[in-house]
Amino acid sequence: MERTRFWPEATEEAFWHWNALAHGPLRHLVDPMFGPDCGFPECGCHGAGFREHLETVLHLLPRKSARELRALVRALDERILVRAKVIPADSPDAPWWLGRF
């Protein structure tokens, strides 16, 4: 999937960045000046871009693999939402990360 749709290790990279955002300094969550991006929204190397990549992969993977990855991603999502109370989320299943980073 990565070779045909993305690039080798794209999902590992996105997961690493999402994990770093979940466990890194709180200022990365609430202040875009300190976030993990390069400053170019088109690049996709921002919090929402990493999470959106993971969401796409979750829909492309076989059911069992998607379930395993979803459990890991959901734990990071919950950690981010608990740490950054300024990010409103109606539901953990809604794409709350869009427009938040």
C-alpha atoms as a PDB file:
ATOM      1  CA  MET A   1       0.000   0.000   0.000  1.00  0.00           C
ATOM      2  CA  GLU A   2       2.752   2.464   0.882  1.00  0.00           C
ATOM      3  CA  ARG A   3       4.689   1.786  -2.302  1.00  0.00           C
ATOM      4  CA  THR A   4       1.688   2.292  -4.552  1.00  0.00           C
ATOM      5  CA  ARG A   5      -0.208   5.047  -2.736  1.00  0.00           C
ATOM      6  CA  PHE A   6       2.350   6.897  -0.600  1.00  0.00           C
ATOM      7  CA  TRP A   7       6.066   6.202  -0.104  1.00  0.00           C
ATOM      8  CA  PRO A   8       7.990   3.601   1.904  1.00  0.00           C
ATOM      9  CA  GLU A   9       7.676   4.165   5.670  1.00  0.00           C
ATOM     10  CA  ALA A  10       5.127   6.992   5.256  1.00  0.00           C
ATOM     11  CA  THR A  11       2.807   5.489   7.848  1.00  0.00           C
ATOM     12  CA  GLU A  12       5.627   4.887  10.312  1.00  0.00           C
ATOM     13  CA  GLU A  13       6.674   8.518   9.893  1.00  0.00           C
ATOM     14  CA  ALA A  14       3.117   9.809  10.395  1.00  0.00           C
ATOM     15  CA  PHE A  15       2.643   7.608  13.469  1.00  0.00           C
ATOM     16  CA  TRP A  16       5.987   8.749  14.905  1.00  0.00           C
ATOM     17  CA  HIS A  17       5.035  12.409  14.496  1.00  0.00           C
ATOM     18  CA  TRP A  18       1.548  11.863  15.962  1.00  0.00           C
ATOM     19  CA  ASN A  19       3.115  10.029  18.916  1.00  0.00           C
ATOM     20  CA  ALA A  20       5.636  12.861  19.378  1.00  0.00           C
ATOM     21  CA  LEU A  21       2.794  15.369  19.356  1.00  0.00           C
ATOM     22  CA  ALA A  22       0.897  13.344  21.962  1.00  0.00           C
ATOM     23  CA  HIS A  23       3.886  12.995  24.283  1.00  0.00           C
ATOM     24  CA  GLY A  24       5.856  16.145  23.487  1.00  0.00           C
ATOM     25  CA  PRO A  25       5.666  19.601  25.017  1.00  0.00           C
ATOM     26  CA  LEU A  26       2.160  20.961  25.428  1.00  0.00           C
ATOM     27  CA  ARG A  27       3.039  24.102  23.472  1.00  0.00           C
ATOM     28  CA  HIS A  28       3.251  21.944  20.325  1.00  0.00           C
ATOM     29  CA  LEU A  29      -0.441  21.188  20.734  1.00  0.00           C
ATOM     30  CA  VAL A  30      -1.751  24.670  21.344  1.00  0.00           C
ATOM     31  CA  ASP A  31       0.639  27.015  19.551  1.00  0.00           C
ATOM     32  CA  PRO A  32       1.190  26.530  15.800  1.00  0.00           C
ATOM     33  CA  MET A  33       4.488  28.423  16.001  1.00  0.00           C
ATOM     34  CA  PHE A  34       5.959  25.553  18.034  1.00  0.00           C
ATOM     35  CA  GLY A  35       4.318  22.662  16.187  1.00  0.00           C
ATOM     36  CA  PRO A  36       6.128  19.930  14.264  1.00  0.00           C
ATOM     37  CA  ASP A  37       5.521  21.413  10.827  1.00  0.00           C
ATOM     38  CA  CYS A  38       7.697  23.162   8.278  1.00  0.00           C
ATOM     39  CA  GLY A  39       5.359  26.136   7.853  1.00  0.00           C
ATOM     40  CA  PHE A  40       3.950  25.157   4.456  1.00  0.00           C
ATOM     41  CA  PRO A  41       0.375  23.785   4.785  1.00  0.00           C
ATOM     42  CA  GLU A  42       0.597  22.194   1.321  1.00  0.00           C
ATOM     43  CA  CYS A  43       3.442  19.975   2.517  1.00  0.00           C
ATOM     44  CA  GLY A  44       1.292  17.919   4.889  1.00  0.00           C
ATOM     45  CA  CYS A  45       3.952  17.802   7.606  1.00  0.00           C
ATOM     46  CA  HIS A  46       1.703  19.292  10.267  1.00  0.00           C
ATOM     47  CA  GLY A  47      -0.284  17.618  13.011  1.00  0.00           C
ATOM     48  CA  ALA A  48      -3.496  17.394  11.013  1.00  0.00           C
ATOM     49  CA  GLY A  49      -1.608  16.102   7.977  1.00  0.00           C
ATOM     50  CA  PHE A  50      -0.011  13.291   9.964  1.00  0.00           C
ATOM     51  CA  ARG A  51      -3.329  12.344  11.542  1.00  0.00           C
ATOM     52  CA  GLU A  52      -5.128  12.545   8.201  1.00  0.00           C
ATOM     53  CA  HIS A  53      -2.539  10.179   6.716  1.00  0.00           C
ATOM     54  CA  LEU A  54      -3.185   7.721   9.538  1.00  0.00           C
ATOM     55  CA  GLU A  55      -6.942   8.011   8.968  1.00  0.00           C
ATOM     56  CA  THR A  56      -6.503   7.239   5.267  1.00  0.00           C
ATOM     57  CA  VAL A  57      -4.354   4.209   6.083  1.00  0.00           C
ATOM     58  CA  LEU A  58      -6.943   2.976   8.598  1.00  0.00           C
ATOM     59  CA  HIS A  59      -9.502   2.895   5.778  1.00  0.00           C
ATOM     60  CA  LEU A  60      -7.146   1.124   3.362  1.00  0.00           C
ATOM     61  CA  LEU A  61      -5.810  -1.601   5.642  1.00  0.00           C
ATOM     62  CA  PRO A  62      -7.448  -5.006   6.030  1.00  0.00           C
ATOM     63  CA  ARG A  63      -9.919  -5.120   8.920  1.00  0.00           C
ATOM     64  CA  LYS A  64      -7.662  -6.844  11.484  1.00  0.00           C
ATOM     65  CA  SER A  65      -4.632  -4.640  10.800  1.00  0.00           C
ATOM     66  CA  ALA A  66      -6.812  -1.533  10.839  1.00  0.00           C
ATOM     67  CA  ARG A  67      -8.269  -2.522  14.200  1.00  0.00           C
ATOM     68  CA  GLU A  68      -4.780  -2.936  15.693  1.00  0.00           C
ATOM     69  CA  LEU A  69      -3.540   0.398  14.334  1.00  0.00           C
ATOM     70  CA  ARG A  70      -6.792   2.141  15.312  1.00  0.00           C
ATOM     71  CA  ALA A  71      -6.263   1.097  18.946  1.00  0.00           C
ATOM     72  CA  LEU A  72      -2.802   2.683  18.937  1.00  0.00           C
ATOM     73  CA  VAL A  73      -3.952   5.854  17.174  1.00  0.00           C
ATOM     74  CA  ARG A  74      -7.014   6.223  19.386  1.00  0.00           C
ATOM     75  CA  ALA A  75      -4.816   6.084  22.512  1.00  0.00           C
ATOM     76  CA  LEU A  76      -2.720   8.931  21.094  1.00  0.00           C
ATOM     77  CA  ASP A  77      -5.865  10.869  20.127  1.00  0.00           C
ATOM     78  CA  GLU A  78      -7.193  10.569  23.659  1.00  0.00           C
ATOM     79  CA  ARG A  79      -3.888  11.703  25.134  1.00  0.00           C
ATOM     80  CA  ILE A  80      -3.823  14.751  22.876  1.00  0.00           C
ATOM     81  CA  LEU A  81      -7.411  15.671  23.722  1.00  0.00           C
ATOM     82  CA  VAL A  82      -6.838  15.266  27.467  1.00  0.00           C
ATOM     83  CA  ARG A  83      -3.657  17.344  27.408  1.00  0.00           C
ATOM     84  CA  ALA A  84      -4.984  20.101  25.163  1.00  0.00           C
ATOM     85  CA  LYS A  85      -8.349  20.942  26.609  1.00  0.00           C
ATOM     86  CA  VAL A  86      -8.571  23.875  24.193  1.00  0.00           C
ATOM     87  CA  ILE A  87      -9.213  21.475  21.292  1.00  0.00           C
ATOM     88  CA  PRO A  88     -12.960  20.839  21.084  1.00  0.00           C
ATOM     89  CA  ALA A  89     -13.980  17.328  20.054  1.00  0.00           C
ATOM     90  CA  ASP A  90     -17.589  16.237  19.750  1.00  0.00           C
ATOM     91  CA  SER A  91     -16.572  12.624  19.345  1.00  0.00           C
ATOM     92  CA  PRO A  92     -13.276  10.722  19.130  1.00  0.00           C
ATOM     93  CA  ASP A  93     -14.523   9.350  15.802  1.00  0.00           C
ATOM     94  CA  ALA A  94     -15.098  12.800  14.269  1.00  0.00           C
ATOM     95  CA  PRO A  95     -12.138  14.360  12.408  1.00  0.00           C
ATOM     96  CA  TRP A  96     -11.441  16.818  15.232  1.00  0.00           C
ATOM     97  CA  TRP A  97      -7.802  17.225  14.188  1.00  0.00           C
ATOM     98  CA  LEU A  98      -8.697  19.101  10.966  1.00  0.00           C
ATOM     99  CA  GLY A  99      -8.148  22.816  11.345  1.00  0.00           C
ATOM    100  CA  ARG A 100      -6.786  22.426  14.880  1.00  0.00           C
ATOM    101  CA  PHE A 101      -3.063  22.443  14.115  1.00  0.00           C
END
